[in-house]
Each structure stands twice: as C-alpha cells, then as structure tokens.
C-alpha cells in the first residue's frame, strides 16, 4: 500500500513539474515575450555600440594629440594669435558668459 502511494505521489509531482515547465516555455515563446526580449537585446547592443564608438573617439583624440606633439603642431606659431569675436571679448572683459545670437528666422521656412 505504501509503495503505491509513494509512486502515485511521485508521478503526480513529476506531472505538476512537467506541466509547469512546459507552460513557462510556452509563455516565453509567445509573440509579446519575443518582442520584449528582442527590444531588450537591441537596446543592449546599442549601448555596447555607443561604448565602442566613445572608446574609438577617445583613442583617435589621444593619437591626434600624440601626432601633433611629435610634429610640433600643438602650439600656435609665435607671433600669431587667434582672434575672437567682439561679443566674446566684451563679455570676457565684463566677466560674463558668452551667449550666441542667432539670426535665423523660422518664418522664412513656411
């Protein structure tokens, strides 16, 4: 009698376990779940690609600095001075910040 009860209980537990496992797999293969998983992978791939692009850009900047130093191009030639815009010079004398002015009129497009 105990033997039958043991095997009956074992069979019922195995059936419940298998049914639960199959139901989870079916839910994970549903179109909504697949779409969410694909979107997550795409976002993750985008973050990796952005990180790679930032690393490449940093490497390019570092290498450009090394090349300029090696060629002696890092400092402007003596006697030459960069000119600045009048608004920037005025703001610097007044201790203010430079705010760009735009002459673009959006009404021209329409």
PDB file of N, CA and C in Angstrom:
ATOM      1  N   UNK A   1       0.808  -1.185   0.000  1.00  0.00           N
ATOM      2  CA  UNK A   1       0.000   0.000   0.000  1.00  0.00           C
ATOM      3  C   UNK A   1       0.864   1.267   0.000  1.00  0.00           C
ATOM      4  N   UNK A   2       1.908   1.260   0.826  1.00  0.00           N
ATOM      5  CA  UNK A   2       2.788   2.424   0.879  1.00  0.00           C
ATOM      6  C   UNK A   2       3.523   2.598  -0.440  1.00  0.00           C
ATOM      7  N   UNK A   3       3.822   1.500  -1.072  1.00  0.00           N
ATOM      8  CA  UNK A   3       4.512   1.562  -2.353  1.00  0.00           C
ATOM      9  C   UNK A   3       3.657   2.264  -3.394  1.00  0.00           C
ATOM     10  N   UNK A   4       2.411   1.907  -3.468  1.00  0.00           N
ATOM     11  CA  UNK A   4       1.505   2.531  -4.434  1.00  0.00           C
ATOM     12  C   UNK A   4       1.344   4.023  -4.136  1.00  0.00           C
ATOM     13  N   UNK A   5       1.189   4.371  -2.891  1.00  0.00           N
ATOM     14  CA  UNK A   5       1.044   5.779  -2.519  1.00  0.00           C
ATOM     15  C   UNK A   5       2.313   6.564  -2.874  1.00  0.00           C
ATOM     16  N   UNK A   6       3.485   5.964  -2.649  1.00  0.00           N
ATOM     17  CA  UNK A   6       4.754   6.620  -2.984  1.00  0.00           C
ATOM     18  C   UNK A   6       4.834   6.880  -4.481  1.00  0.00           C
ATOM     19  N   UNK A   7       4.567   5.881  -5.313  1.00  0.00           N
ATOM     20  CA  UNK A   7       4.689   6.040  -6.748  1.00  0.00           C
ATOM     21  C   UNK A   7       3.596   6.949  -7.302  1.00  0.00           C
ATOM     22  N   UNK A   8       2.414   6.912  -6.698  1.00  0.00           N
ATOM     23  CA  UNK A   8       1.356   7.827  -7.115  1.00  0.00           C
ATOM     24  C   UNK A   8       1.769   9.272  -6.837  1.00  0.00           C
ATOM     25  N   UNK A   9       2.296   9.529  -5.658  1.00  0.00           N
ATOM     26  CA  UNK A   9       2.737  10.877  -5.281  1.00  0.00           C
ATOM     27  C   UNK A   9       3.900  11.326  -6.163  1.00  0.00           C
ATOM     28  N   UNK A  10       4.835  10.430  -6.422  1.00  0.00           N
ATOM     29  CA  UNK A  10       5.979  10.750  -7.286  1.00  0.00           C
ATOM     30  C   UNK A  10       5.504  11.082  -8.692  1.00  0.00           C
ATOM     31  N   UNK A  11       4.571  10.323  -9.241  1.00  0.00           N
ATOM     32  CA  UNK A  11       4.028  10.576 -10.574  1.00  0.00           C
ATOM     33  C   UNK A  11       3.279  11.896 -10.644  1.00  0.00           C
ATOM     34  N   UNK A  12       2.493  12.188  -9.605  1.00  0.00           N
ATOM     35  CA  UNK A  12       1.745  13.450  -9.579  1.00  0.00           C
ATOM     36  C   UNK A  12       2.703  14.637  -9.512  1.00  0.00           C
ATOM     37  N   UNK A  13       3.740  14.524  -8.694  1.00  0.00           N
ATOM     38  CA  UNK A  13       4.728  15.607  -8.582  1.00  0.00           C
ATOM     39  C   UNK A  13       5.462  15.803  -9.903  1.00  0.00           C
ATOM     40  N   UNK A  14       5.834  14.710 -10.573  1.00  0.00           N
ATOM     41  CA  UNK A  14       6.511  14.809 -11.870  1.00  0.00           C
ATOM     42  C   UNK A  14       5.586  15.441 -12.899  1.00  0.00           C
ATOM     43  N   UNK A  15       4.314  15.114 -12.866  1.00  0.00           N
ATOM     44  CA  UNK A  15       3.347  15.698 -13.796  1.00  0.00           C
ATOM     45  C   UNK A  15       3.183  17.189 -13.574  1.00  0.00           C
ATOM     46  N   UNK A  16       3.093  17.596 -12.310  1.00  0.00           N
ATOM     47  CA  UNK A  16       2.977  19.025 -11.998  1.00  0.00           C
ATOM     48  C   UNK A  16       4.237  19.755 -12.432  1.00  0.00           C
ATOM     49  N   UNK A  17       5.402  19.174 -12.160  1.00  0.00           N
ATOM     50  CA  UNK A  17       6.670  19.806 -12.541  1.00  0.00           C
ATOM     51  C   UNK A  17       6.763  19.960 -14.060  1.00  0.00           C
ATOM     52  N   UNK A  18       6.416  18.894 -14.803  1.00  0.00           N
ATOM     53  CA  UNK A  18       6.497  18.935 -16.265  1.00  0.00           C
ATOM     54  C   UNK A  18       5.502  19.939 -16.841  1.00  0.00           C
ATOM     55  N   UNK A  19       4.303  19.966 -16.294  1.00  0.00           N
ATOM     56  CA  UNK A  19       3.293  20.907 -16.775  1.00  0.00           C
ATOM     57  C   UNK A  19       3.747  22.342 -16.546  1.00  0.00           C
ATOM     58  N   UNK A  20       4.298  22.629 -15.378  1.00  0.00           N
ATOM     59  CA  UNK A  20       4.800  23.972 -15.074  1.00  0.00           C
ATOM     60  C   UNK A  20       5.925  24.357 -16.020  1.00  0.00           C
ATOM     61  N   UNK A  21       6.831  23.417 -16.268  1.00  0.00           N
ATOM     62  CA  UNK A  21       7.966  23.680 -17.157  1.00  0.00           C
ATOM     63  C   UNK A  21       7.479  23.983 -18.578  1.00  0.00           C
ATOM     64  N   UNK A  22       6.532  23.222 -19.080  1.00  0.00           N
ATOM     65  CA  UNK A  22       6.001  23.419 -20.435  1.00  0.00           C
ATOM     66  C   UNK A  22       5.270  24.757 -20.521  1.00  0.00           C
ATOM     67  N   UNK A  23       4.485  25.095 -19.506  1.00  0.00           N
ATOM     68  CA  UNK A  23       3.750  26.366 -19.519  1.00  0.00           C
ATOM     69  C   UNK A  23       4.699  27.566 -19.532  1.00  0.00           C
ATOM     70  N   UNK A  24       5.791  27.492 -18.784  1.00  0.00           N
ATOM     71  CA  UNK A  24       6.787  28.574 -18.795  1.00  0.00           C
ATOM     72  C   UNK A  24       7.410  28.725 -20.173  1.00  0.00           C
ATOM     73  N   UNK A  25       7.731  27.595 -20.797  1.00  0.00           N
ATOM     74  CA  UNK A  25       8.349  27.639 -22.119  1.00  0.00           C
ATOM     75  C   UNK A  25       7.382  28.225 -23.147  1.00  0.00           C
ATOM     76  N   UNK A  26       6.110  27.862 -23.056  1.00  0.00           N
ATOM     77  CA  UNK A  26       5.108  28.392 -23.981  1.00  0.00           C
ATOM     78  C   UNK A  26       4.969  29.905 -23.793  1.00  0.00           C
ATOM     79  N   UNK A  27       4.941  30.365 -22.540  1.00  0.00           N
ATOM     80  CA  UNK A  27       4.847  31.802 -22.284  1.00  0.00           C
ATOM     81  C   UNK A  27       6.078  32.543 -22.793  1.00  0.00           C
ATOM     82  N   UNK A  28       7.255  31.927 -22.668  1.00  0.00           N
ATOM     83  CA  UNK A  28       8.475  32.616 -23.127  1.00  0.00           C
ATOM     84  C   UNK A  28       8.556  32.678 -24.645  1.00  0.00           C
ATOM     85  N   UNK A  29       7.824  31.812 -25.346  1.00  0.00           N
ATOM     86  CA  UNK A  29       7.844  31.815 -26.807  1.00  0.00           C
ATOM     87  C   UNK A  29       6.650  32.565 -27.403  1.00  0.00           C
ATOM     88  N   UNK A  30       5.855  33.198 -26.576  1.00  0.00           N
ATOM     89  CA  UNK A  30       4.726  33.985 -27.068  1.00  0.00           C
ATOM     90  C   UNK A  30       5.258  35.211 -27.815  1.00  0.00           C
ATOM     91  N   UNK A  31       4.509  35.706 -28.800  1.00  0.00           N
ATOM     92  CA  UNK A  31       4.986  36.849 -29.591  1.00  0.00           C
ATOM     93  C   UNK A  31       5.323  38.082 -28.739  1.00  0.00           C
ATOM     94  N   UNK A  32       4.522  38.360 -27.723  1.00  0.00           N
ATOM     95  CA  UNK A  32       4.814  39.519 -26.874  1.00  0.00           C
ATOM     96  C   UNK A  32       6.142  39.364 -26.144  1.00  0.00           C
ATOM     97  N   UNK A  33       6.364  38.170 -25.606  1.00  0.00           N
ATOM     98  CA  UNK A  33       7.608  37.929 -24.879  1.00  0.00           C
ATOM     99  C   UNK A  33       8.806  37.987 -25.815  1.00  0.00           C
ATOM    100  N   UNK A  34       8.647  37.472 -27.033  1.00  0.00           N
ATOM    101  CA  UNK A  34       9.747  37.527 -28.001  1.00  0.00           C
ATOM    102  C   UNK A  34      10.050  38.967 -28.401  1.00  0.00           C
ATOM    103  N   UNK A  35       9.007  39.785 -28.558  1.00  0.00           N
ATOM    104  CA  UNK A  35       9.216  41.189 -28.925  1.00  0.00           C
ATOM    105  C   UNK A  35       9.947  41.939 -27.819  1.00  0.00           C
ATOM    106  N   UNK A  36       9.560  41.692 -26.583  1.00  0.00           N
ATOM    107  CA  UNK A  36      10.221  42.360 -25.449  1.00  0.00           C
ATOM    108  C   UNK A  36      11.680  41.938 -25.369  1.00  0.00           C
ATOM    109  N   UNK A  37      11.935  40.640 -25.549  1.00  0.00           N
ATOM    110  CA  UNK A  37      13.306  40.140 -25.485  1.00  0.00           C
ATOM    111  C   UNK A  37      14.155  40.727 -26.619  1.00  0.00           C
ATOM    112  N   UNK A  38      13.573  40.819 -27.830  1.00  0.00           N
ATOM    113  CA  UNK A  38      14.311  41.395 -28.957  1.00  0.00           C
ATOM    114  C   UNK A  38      14.608  42.873 -28.721  1.00  0.00           C
ATOM    115  N   UNK A  39      13.641  43.591 -28.168  1.00  0.00           N
ATOM    116  CA  UNK A  39      13.866  45.013 -27.884  1.00  0.00           C
ATOM    117  C   UNK A  39      14.956  45.197 -26.837  1.00  0.00           C
ATOM    118  N   UNK A  40      14.955  44.361 -25.819  1.00  0.00           N
ATOM    119  CA  UNK A  40      15.999  44.444 -24.793  1.00  0.00           C
ATOM    120  C   UNK A  40      17.375  44.175 -25.380  1.00  0.00           C
ATOM    121  N   UNK A  41      17.458  43.182 -26.253  1.00  0.00           N
ATOM    122  CA  UNK A  41      18.746  42.866 -26.892  1.00  0.00           C
ATOM    123  C   UNK A  41      19.195  44.009 -27.790  1.00  0.00           C
ATOM    124  N   UNK A  42      18.253  44.643 -28.495  1.00  0.00           N
ATOM    125  CA  UNK A  42      18.611  45.764 -29.364  1.00  0.00           C
ATOM    126  C   UNK A  42      19.140  46.940 -28.547  1.00  0.00           C
ATOM    127  N   UNK A  43      18.496  47.237 -27.432  1.00  0.00           N
ATOM    128  CA  UNK A  43      18.952  48.335 -26.571  1.00  0.00           C
ATOM    129  C   UNK A  43      20.333  48.012 -26.010  1.00  0.00           C
ATOM    130  N   UNK A  44      20.516  46.777 -25.577  1.00  0.00           N
ATOM    131  CA  UNK A  44      21.815  46.364 -25.044  1.00  0.00           C
ATOM    132  C   UNK A  44      22.901  46.475 -26.114  1.00  0.00           C
ATOM    133  N   UNK A  45      22.573  46.058 -27.328  1.00  0.00           N
ATOM    134  CA  UNK A  45      23.537  46.181 -28.432  1.00  0.00           C
ATOM    135  C   UNK A  45      23.857  47.627 -28.747  1.00  0.00           C
ATOM    136  N   UNK A  46      22.846  48.489 -28.671  1.00  0.00           N
ATOM    137  CA  UNK A  46      23.075  49.920 -28.902  1.00  0.00           C
ATOM    138  C   UNK A  46      24.001  50.519 -27.867  1.00  0.00           C
ATOM    139  N   UNK A  47      23.838  50.110 -26.595  1.00  0.00           N
ATOM    140  CA  UNK A  47      24.725  50.618 -25.543  1.00  0.00           C
ATOM    141  C   UNK A  47      26.161  50.139 -25.770  1.00  0.00           C
ATOM    142  N   UNK A  48      26.311  48.887 -26.188  1.00  0.00           N
ATOM    143  CA  UNK A  48      27.662  48.381 -26.465  1.00  0.00           C
ATOM    144  C   UNK A  48      28.291  49.121 -27.634  1.00  0.00           C
ATOM    145  N   UNK A  49      27.490  49.385 -28.673  1.00  0.00           N
ATOM    146  CA  UNK A  49      27.997  50.095 -29.839  1.00  0.00           C
ATOM    147  C   UNK A  49      28.386  51.529 -29.487  1.00  0.00           C
ATOM    148  N   UNK A  50      27.578  52.178 -28.648  1.00  0.00           N
ATOM    149  CA  UNK A  50      27.902  53.538 -28.214  1.00  0.00           C
ATOM    150  C   UNK A  50      29.197  53.556 -27.413  1.00  0.00           C
ATOM    151  N   UNK A  51      29.361  52.575 -26.522  1.00  0.00           N
ATOM    152  CA  UNK A  51      30.599  52.483 -25.751  1.00  0.00           C
ATOM    153  C   UNK A  51      31.815  52.282 -26.643  1.00  0.00           C
ATOM    154  N   UNK A  52      31.650  51.432 -27.668  1.00  0.00           N
ATOM    155  CA  UNK A  52      32.739  51.209 -28.609  1.00  0.00           C
ATOM    156  C   UNK A  52      33.079  52.487 -29.358  1.00  0.00           C
ATOM    157  N   UNK A  53      32.043  53.214 -29.810  1.00  0.00           N
ATOM    158  CA  UNK A  53      32.283  54.459 -30.543  1.00  0.00           C
ATOM    159  C   UNK A  53      32.986  55.491 -29.660  1.00  0.00           C
ATOM    160  N   UNK A  54      32.607  55.569 -28.391  1.00  0.00           N
ATOM    161  CA  UNK A  54      33.274  56.507 -27.483  1.00  0.00           C
ATOM    162  C   UNK A  54      34.732  56.115 -27.250  1.00  0.00           C
ATOM    163  N   UNK A  55      34.995  54.815 -27.149  1.00  0.00           N
ATOM    164  CA  UNK A  55      36.375  54.362 -26.995  1.00  0.00           C
ATOM    165  C   UNK A  55      37.206  54.692 -28.227  1.00  0.00           C
ATOM    166  N   UNK A  56      36.617  54.494 -29.412  1.00  0.00           N
ATOM    167  CA  UNK A  56      37.332  54.806 -30.655  1.00  0.00           C
ATOM    168  C   UNK A  56      37.613  56.302 -30.729  1.00  0.00           C
ATOM    169  N   UNK A  57      36.623  57.106 -30.383  1.00  0.00           N
ATOM    170  CA  UNK A  57      36.807  58.563 -30.431  1.00  0.00           C
ATOM    171  C   UNK A  57      37.893  59.017 -29.458  1.00  0.00           C
ATOM    172  N   UNK A  58      37.906  58.427 -28.258  1.00  0.00           N
ATOM    173  CA  UNK A  58      38.943  58.786 -27.287  1.00  0.00           C
ATOM    174  C   UNK A  58      40.321  58.377 -27.798  1.00  0.00           C
ATOM    175  N   UNK A  59      40.399  57.207 -28.409  1.00  0.00           N
ATOM    176  CA  UNK A  59      41.671  56.765 -28.977  1.00  0.00           C
ATOM    177  C   UNK A  59      42.134  57.666 -30.111  1.00  0.00           C
ATOM    178  N   UNK A  60      41.177  58.096 -30.928  1.00  0.00           N
ATOM    179  CA  UNK A  60      41.533  58.997 -32.029  1.00  0.00           C
ATOM    180  C   UNK A  60      42.062  60.324 -31.494  1.00  0.00           C
ATOM    181  N   UNK A  61      41.409  60.846 -30.492  1.00  0.00           N
ATOM    182  CA  UNK A  61      41.843  62.115 -29.901  1.00  0.00           C
ATOM    183  C   UNK A  61      43.226  61.985 -29.280  1.00  0.00           C
ATOM    184  N   UNK A  62      43.447  60.881 -28.585  1.00  0.00           N
ATOM    185  CA  UNK A  62      44.753  60.659 -27.964  1.00  0.00           C
ATOM    186  C   UNK A  62      45.837  60.540 -29.031  1.00  0.00           C
ATOM    187  N   UNK A  63      45.556  59.777 -30.081  1.00  0.00           N
ATOM    188  CA  UNK A  63      46.552  59.597 -31.143  1.00  0.00           C
ATOM    189  C   UNK A  63      46.803  60.912 -31.872  1.00  0.00           C
ATOM    190  N   UNK A  64      45.762  61.713 -32.090  1.00  0.00           N
ATOM    191  CA  UNK A  64      45.938  63.001 -32.745  1.00  0.00           C
ATOM    192  C   UNK A  64      46.829  63.920 -31.903  1.00  0.00           C
ATOM    193  N   UNK A  65      46.627  63.896 -30.593  1.00  0.00           N
ATOM    194  CA  UNK A  65      47.460  64.696 -29.697  1.00  0.00           C
ATOM    195  C   UNK A  65      48.911  64.231 -29.759  1.00  0.00           C
ATOM    196  N   UNK A  66      49.110  62.915 -29.768  1.00  0.00           N
ATOM    197  CA  UNK A  66      50.474  62.378 -29.867  1.00  0.00           C
ATOM    198  C   UNK A  66      51.138  62.802 -31.161  1.00  0.00           C
ATOM    199  N   UNK A  67      50.396  62.731 -32.266  1.00  0.00           N
ATOM    200  CA  UNK A  67      50.970  63.120 -33.558  1.00  0.00           C
ATOM    201  C   UNK A  67      51.285  64.609 -33.605  1.00  0.00           C
ATOM    202  N   UNK A  68      50.383  65.433 -33.062  1.00  0.00           N
ATOM    203  CA  UNK A  68      50.641  66.875 -33.050  1.00  0.00           C
ATOM    204  C   UNK A  68      51.867  67.198 -32.209  1.00  0.00           C
ATOM    205  N   UNK A  69      52.017  66.534 -31.072  1.00  0.00           N
ATOM    206  CA  UNK A  69      53.200  66.750 -30.241  1.00  0.00           C
ATOM    207  C   UNK A  69      54.469  66.310 -30.960  1.00  0.00           C
ATOM    208  N   UNK A  70      54.390  65.180 -31.646  1.00  0.00           N
ATOM    209  CA  UNK A  70      55.567  64.663 -32.357  1.00  0.00           C
ATOM    210  C   UNK A  70      55.967  65.580 -33.514  1.00  0.00           C
ATOM    211  N   UNK A  71      54.984  66.197 -34.162  1.00  0.00           N
ATOM    212  CA  UNK A  71      55.271  67.079 -35.291  1.00  0.00           C
ATOM    213  C   UNK A  71      55.462  68.531 -34.872  1.00  0.00           C
ATOM    214  N   UNK A  72      55.273  68.816 -33.604  1.00  0.00           N
ATOM    215  CA  UNK A  72      55.443  70.184 -33.110  1.00  0.00           C
ATOM    216  C   UNK A  72      54.296  71.097 -33.505  1.00  0.00           C
ATOM    217  N   UNK A  73      53.105  70.555 -33.665  1.00  0.00           N
ATOM    218  CA  UNK A  73      51.952  71.361 -34.077  1.00  0.00           C
ATOM    219  C   UNK A  73      51.013  71.681 -32.929  1.00  0.00           C
ATOM    220  N   UNK A  74      51.409  71.365 -31.710  1.00  0.00           N
ATOM    221  CA  UNK A  74      50.484  71.532 -30.596  1.00  0.00           C
ATOM    222  C   UNK A  74      50.320  72.990 -30.177  1.00  0.00           C
ATOM    223  N   UNK A  75      51.312  73.836 -30.391  1.00  0.00           N
ATOM    224  CA  UNK A  75      51.222  75.248 -30.002  1.00  0.00           C
ATOM    225  C   UNK A  75      51.117  76.102 -31.265  1.00  0.00           C
ATOM    226  N   UNK A  76      50.367  77.200 -31.231  1.00  0.00           N
ATOM    227  CA  UNK A  76      50.299  78.067 -32.409  1.00  0.00           C
ATOM    228  C   UNK A  76      51.656  78.735 -32.644  1.00  0.00           C
ATOM    229  N   UNK A  77      51.995  79.020 -33.892  1.00  0.00           N
ATOM    230  CA  UNK A  77      53.279  79.678 -34.180  1.00  0.00           C
ATOM    231  C   UNK A  77      53.383  81.013 -33.459  1.00  0.00           C
ATOM    232  N   UNK A  78      54.602  81.366 -33.113  1.00  0.00           N
ATOM    233  CA  UNK A  78      54.822  82.609 -32.384  1.00  0.00           C
ATOM    234  C   UNK A  78      54.472  83.793 -33.277  1.00  0.00           C
ATOM    235  N   UNK A  79      53.918  84.812 -32.666  1.00  0.00           N
ATOM    236  CA  UNK A  79      53.531  85.990 -33.436  1.00  0.00           C
ATOM    237  C   UNK A  79      52.092  85.914 -33.908  1.00  0.00           C
ATOM    238  N   UNK A  80      51.537  84.708 -34.008  1.00  0.00           N
ATOM    239  CA  UNK A  80      50.145  84.565 -34.425  1.00  0.00           C
ATOM    240  C   UNK A  80      49.280  84.436 -33.189  1.00  0.00           C
ATOM    241  N   UNK A  81      48.167  85.083 -33.234  1.00  0.00           N
ATOM    242  CA  UNK A  81      47.233  84.999 -32.125  1.00  0.00           C
ATOM    243  C   UNK A  81      45.847  84.808 -32.697  1.00  0.00           C
ATOM    244  N   UNK A  82      45.111  83.941 -32.087  1.00  0.00           N
ATOM    245  CA  UNK A  82      43.752  83.722 -32.565  1.00  0.00           C
ATOM    246  C   UNK A  82      42.909  84.943 -32.238  1.00  0.00           C
ATOM    247  N   UNK A  83      42.118  85.360 -33.197  1.00  0.00           N
ATOM    248  CA  UNK A  83      41.240  86.498 -32.947  1.00  0.00           C
ATOM    249  C   UNK A  83      39.922  85.974 -32.414  1.00  0.00           C
ATOM    250  N   UNK A  84      39.281  86.771 -31.619  1.00  0.00           N
ATOM    251  CA  UNK A  84      37.992  86.358 -31.080  1.00  0.00           C
ATOM    252  C   UNK A  84      36.927  87.327 -31.536  1.00  0.00           C
ATOM    253  N   UNK A  85      35.737  86.881 -31.459  1.00  0.00           N
ATOM    254  CA  UNK A  85      34.623  87.715 -31.864  1.00  0.00           C
ATOM    255  C   UNK A  85      34.470  88.881 -30.899  1.00  0.00           C
ATOM    256  N   UNK A  86      33.985  90.023 -31.348  1.00  0.00           N
ATOM    257  CA  UNK A  86      33.842  91.185 -30.464  1.00  0.00           C
ATOM    258  C   UNK A  86      32.950  90.903 -29.264  1.00  0.00           C
ATOM    259  N   UNK A  87      31.891  90.146 -29.451  1.00  0.00           N
ATOM    260  CA  UNK A  87      30.983  89.854 -28.330  1.00  0.00           C
ATOM    261  C   UNK A  87      31.704  89.035 -27.266  1.00  0.00           C
ATOM    262  N   UNK A  88      32.544  88.114 -27.696  1.00  0.00           N
ATOM    263  CA  UNK A  88      33.281  87.299 -26.733  1.00  0.00           C
ATOM    264  C   UNK A  88      34.273  88.147 -25.951  1.00  0.00           C
ATOM    265  N   UNK A  89      34.970  89.058 -26.638  1.00  0.00           N
ATOM    266  CA  UNK A  89      35.939  89.920 -25.957  1.00  0.00           C
ATOM    267  C   UNK A  89      35.230  90.831 -24.962  1.00  0.00           C
ATOM    268  N   UNK A  90      34.090  91.392 -25.361  1.00  0.00           N
ATOM    269  CA  UNK A  90      33.347  92.276 -24.476  1.00  0.00           C
ATOM    270  C   UNK A  90      32.846  91.520 -23.249  1.00  0.00           C
ATOM    271  N   UNK A  91      32.320  90.331 -23.449  1.00  0.00           N
ATOM    272  CA  UNK A  91      31.820  89.543 -22.330  1.00  0.00           C
ATOM    273  C   UNK A  91      32.942  89.110 -21.400  1.00  0.00           C
ATOM    274  N   UNK A  92      34.095  88.833 -21.959  1.00  0.00           N
ATOM    275  CA  UNK A  92      35.207  88.441 -21.112  1.00  0.00           C
ATOM    276  C   UNK A  92      35.646  89.610 -20.237  1.00  0.00           C
ATOM    277  N   UNK A  93      35.658  90.824 -20.801  1.00  0.00           N
ATOM    278  CA  UNK A  93      36.039  91.995 -20.018  1.00  0.00           C
ATOM    279  C   UNK A  93      35.033  92.270 -18.914  1.00  0.00           C
ATOM    280  N   UNK A  94      33.771  91.974 -19.199  1.00  0.00           N
ATOM    281  CA  UNK A  94      32.732  92.220 -18.207  1.00  0.00           C
ATOM    282  C   UNK A  94      32.573  91.049 -17.241  1.00  0.00           C
ATOM    283  N   UNK A  95      33.248  89.956 -17.517  1.00  0.00           N
ATOM    284  CA  UNK A  95      33.170  88.794 -16.637  1.00  0.00           C
ATOM    285  C   UNK A  95      31.921  87.958 -16.851  1.00  0.00           C
ATOM    286  N   UNK A  96      31.247  88.139 -17.959  1.00  0.00           N
ATOM    287  CA  UNK A  96      30.017  87.392 -18.232  1.00  0.00           C
ATOM    288  C   UNK A  96      30.293  86.175 -19.107  1.00  0.00           C
ATOM    289  N   UNK A  97      29.239  85.468 -19.376  1.00  0.00           N
ATOM    290  CA  UNK A  97      29.361  84.299 -20.240  1.00  0.00           C
ATOM    291  C   UNK A  97      28.929  84.678 -21.643  1.00  0.00           C
ATOM    292  N   UNK A  98      29.403  83.915 -22.601  1.00  0.00           N
ATOM    293  CA  UNK A  98      29.098  84.185 -23.999  1.00  0.00           C
ATOM    294  C   UNK A  98      27.841  83.416 -24.382  1.00  0.00           C
ATOM    295  N   UNK A  99      26.861  84.133 -24.884  1.00  0.00           N
ATOM    296  CA  UNK A  99      25.640  83.516 -25.382  1.00  0.00           C
ATOM    297  C   UNK A  99      25.565  83.796 -26.870  1.00  0.00           C
ATOM    298  N   UNK A 100      25.469  82.768 -27.688  1.00  0.00           N
ATOM    299  CA  UNK A 100      25.432  83.011 -29.129  1.00  0.00           C
ATOM    300  C   UNK A 100      24.111  83.675 -29.533  1.00  0.00           C
ATOM    301  N   UNK A 101      24.195  84.487 -30.562  1.00  0.00           N
ATOM    302  CA  UNK A 101      22.989  85.105 -31.104  1.00  0.00           C
ATOM    303  C   UNK A 101      22.730  84.471 -32.454  1.00  0.00           C
ATOM    304  N   UNK A 102      21.481  84.154 -32.702  1.00  0.00           N
ATOM    305  CA  UNK A 102      21.100  83.523 -33.954  1.00  0.00           C
ATOM    306  C   UNK A 102      20.254  84.493 -34.755  1.00  0.00           C
ATOM    307  N   UNK A 103      20.553  84.600 -36.035  1.00  0.00           N
ATOM    308  CA  UNK A 103      19.783  85.473 -36.911  1.00  0.00           C
ATOM    309  C   UNK A 103      18.801  84.672 -37.741  1.00  0.00           C
ATOM    310  N   UNK A 104      18.652  83.436 -37.436  1.00  0.00           N
ATOM    311  CA  UNK A 104      17.789  82.553 -38.193  1.00  0.00           C
ATOM    312  C   UNK A 104      16.332  82.863 -37.873  1.00  0.00           C
ATOM    313  N   UNK A 105      15.559  83.141 -38.904  1.00  0.00           N
ATOM    314  CA  UNK A 105      14.143  83.431 -38.726  1.00  0.00           C
ATOM    315  C   UNK A 105      13.345  82.232 -39.204  1.00  0.00           C
ATOM    316  N   UNK A 106      12.629  81.600 -38.304  1.00  0.00           N
ATOM    317  CA  UNK A 106      11.892  80.377 -38.648  1.00  0.00           C
ATOM    318  C   UNK A 106      10.736  80.657 -39.594  1.00  0.00           C
ATOM    319  N   UNK A 107      10.299  81.895 -39.690  1.00  0.00           N
ATOM    320  CA  UNK A 107       9.171  82.204 -40.567  1.00  0.00           C
ATOM    321  C   UNK A 107       9.555  82.091 -42.030  1.00  0.00           C
ATOM    322  N   UNK A 108      10.848  82.120 -42.324  1.00  0.00           N
ATOM    323  CA  UNK A 108      11.287  82.019 -43.704  1.00  0.00           C
ATOM    324  C   UNK A 108      11.003  80.651 -44.295  1.00  0.00           C
ATOM    325  N   UNK A 109      10.943  79.627 -43.473  1.00  0.00           N
ATOM    326  CA  UNK A 109      10.729  78.278 -43.973  1.00  0.00           C
ATOM    327  C   UNK A 109       9.289  78.043 -44.401  1.00  0.00           C
ATOM    328  N   UNK A 110       8.356  78.788 -43.877  1.00  0.00           N
ATOM    329  CA  UNK A 110       6.935  78.470 -44.116  1.00  0.00           C
ATOM    330  C   UNK A 110       6.312  79.383 -45.111  1.00  0.00           C
TER     331      UNK A 110
END
